[in-house]
Amino acid sequence: MKDITVSSNLKALQGVGPSQGLGTSKIGGESDGPSFADTLSQSLDKVNSMQKQADVAIQDFVAGDTRNIHETMIAVGKADLAFRLTMQVRNKIVEAYQEVMRTQV
């Protein structure tokens, strides 16, 4: 279910054209490097894969396929930290968007 939400949100971001304010052209004409949407997409994919790895580690531990609780807890800790960081980045993006919307022209 998380995959559907993330991918649909990214598709919505990519569908916004230059006339709506989020064009793909860079400021100053620079075109080297990935776009913000691409970087965000890659980061979300990495967080999603960490979450999946943690789920697999938990399932393996519960099923008895592995007895190494340390690796399981490390995978869960990495996924938790990555998710928390993603939430903080999201909060900063929303805060910046709200600040721009409050700016008078």
Protein backbone atom coordinates (compact mmCIF):
# COMPACT_ATOMS: atom_id res chain seq x y z
CA MET A 1 0.00 0.00 0.00
CA LYS A 2 2.92 2.36 0.68
CA ASP A 3 4.24 1.68 -2.82
CA ILE A 4 1.00 2.87 -4.40
CA THR A 5 0.98 6.10 -2.42
CA VAL A 6 4.63 6.94 -3.08
CA SER A 7 4.49 6.16 -6.78
CA SER A 8 1.19 7.97 -7.30
CA ASN A 9 2.55 11.05 -5.54
CA LEU A 10 5.69 11.01 -7.67
CA LYS A 11 3.65 10.61 -10.84
CA ALA A 12 1.56 13.58 -9.75
CA LEU A 13 4.73 15.63 -9.23
CA GLN A 14 6.07 14.67 -12.64
CA GLY A 15 2.76 15.54 -14.28
CA VAL A 16 2.95 19.16 -13.17
CA GLY A 17 4.09 21.23 -16.13
CA PRO A 18 6.05 24.47 -16.40
CA SER A 19 2.86 26.51 -16.61
CA GLN A 20 1.98 25.29 -13.11
CA GLY A 21 5.27 26.36 -11.58
CA LEU A 22 7.31 23.12 -11.38
CA GLY A 23 9.06 23.00 -14.71
CA THR A 24 12.02 20.78 -15.40
CA SER A 25 14.24 23.64 -16.51
CA LYS A 26 16.92 24.57 -14.01
CA ILE A 27 17.62 28.04 -12.69
CA GLY A 28 20.45 29.70 -14.59
CA GLY A 29 20.24 27.22 -17.46
CA GLU A 30 22.30 24.55 -15.70
CA SER A 31 21.24 21.08 -16.78
CA ASP A 32 23.81 18.79 -15.17
CA GLY A 33 22.70 16.46 -12.39
CA PRO A 34 19.39 14.86 -11.54
CA SER A 35 16.27 16.91 -10.88
CA PHE A 36 14.81 17.34 -7.41
CA ALA A 37 11.93 14.99 -8.25
CA ASP A 38 14.41 12.30 -9.41
CA THR A 39 16.49 12.65 -6.26
CA LEU A 40 13.39 12.50 -4.09
CA SER A 41 12.14 9.44 -5.96
CA GLN A 42 15.45 7.62 -5.54
CA SER A 43 15.54 8.45 -1.83
CA LEU A 44 12.01 7.18 -1.30
CA ASP A 45 12.85 3.99 -3.18
CA LYS A 46 15.85 3.42 -0.89
CA VAL A 47 13.73 3.96 2.23
CA ASN A 48 11.10 1.61 0.85
CA SER A 49 13.71 -1.09 0.18
CA MET A 50 15.06 -0.71 3.73
CA GLN A 51 11.54 -1.17 5.07
CA LYS A 52 11.12 -4.31 2.97
CA GLN A 53 14.48 -5.70 4.13
CA ALA A 54 13.49 -5.11 7.75
CA ASP A 55 10.17 -6.89 7.16
CA VAL A 56 11.97 -9.88 5.62
CA ALA A 57 14.45 -9.97 8.51
CA ILE A 58 11.60 -9.97 11.03
CA GLN A 59 9.74 -12.70 9.16
CA ASP A 60 12.89 -14.83 8.95
CA PHE A 61 13.51 -14.42 12.67
CA VAL A 62 9.93 -15.25 13.63
CA ALA A 63 9.87 -18.26 11.29
CA GLY A 64 13.10 -19.54 12.82
CA ASP A 65 15.09 -19.29 9.59
CA THR A 66 17.68 -17.21 11.41
CA ARG A 67 18.64 -16.96 15.06
CA ASN A 68 20.63 -13.75 14.73
CA ILE A 69 18.57 -11.14 16.58
CA HIS A 70 21.34 -8.58 16.18
CA GLU A 71 21.12 -8.42 12.39
CA THR A 72 17.34 -8.29 12.63
CA MET A 73 17.44 -5.38 15.07
CA ILE A 74 20.05 -3.57 12.96
CA ALA A 75 17.83 -3.88 9.86
CA VAL A 76 14.82 -2.59 11.83
CA GLY A 77 16.90 0.26 13.27
CA LYS A 78 18.16 1.31 9.83
CA ALA A 79 14.63 1.27 8.42
CA ASP A 80 13.33 3.26 11.39
CA LEU A 81 16.07 5.87 11.11
CA ALA A 82 15.60 6.21 7.35
CA PHE A 83 11.84 6.63 7.79
CA ARG A 84 12.28 9.27 10.50
CA LEU A 85 14.73 11.18 8.33
CA THR A 86 12.31 11.00 5.41
CA MET A 87 9.53 12.38 7.59
CA GLN A 88 11.74 15.27 8.70
CA VAL A 89 12.62 16.08 5.10
CA ARG A 90 8.93 15.96 4.21
CA ASN A 91 8.12 18.32 7.09
CA LYS A 92 10.78 20.78 5.90
CA ILE A 93 9.47 20.64 2.33
CA VAL A 94 5.92 21.31 3.52
CA GLU A 95 7.15 24.13 5.75
CA ALA A 96 9.06 25.71 2.85
CA TYR A 97 6.00 25.37 0.59
CA GLN A 98 3.79 27.05 3.18
CA GLU A 99 6.32 29.86 3.59
CA VAL A 100 6.38 30.45 -0.18
CA MET A 101 2.58 30.47 -0.28
CA ARG A 102 2.51 33.11 2.49
CA THR A 103 4.90 35.33 0.58
CA GLN A 104 3.14 38.33 -0.92
CA VAL A 105 3.90 39.19 -4.49
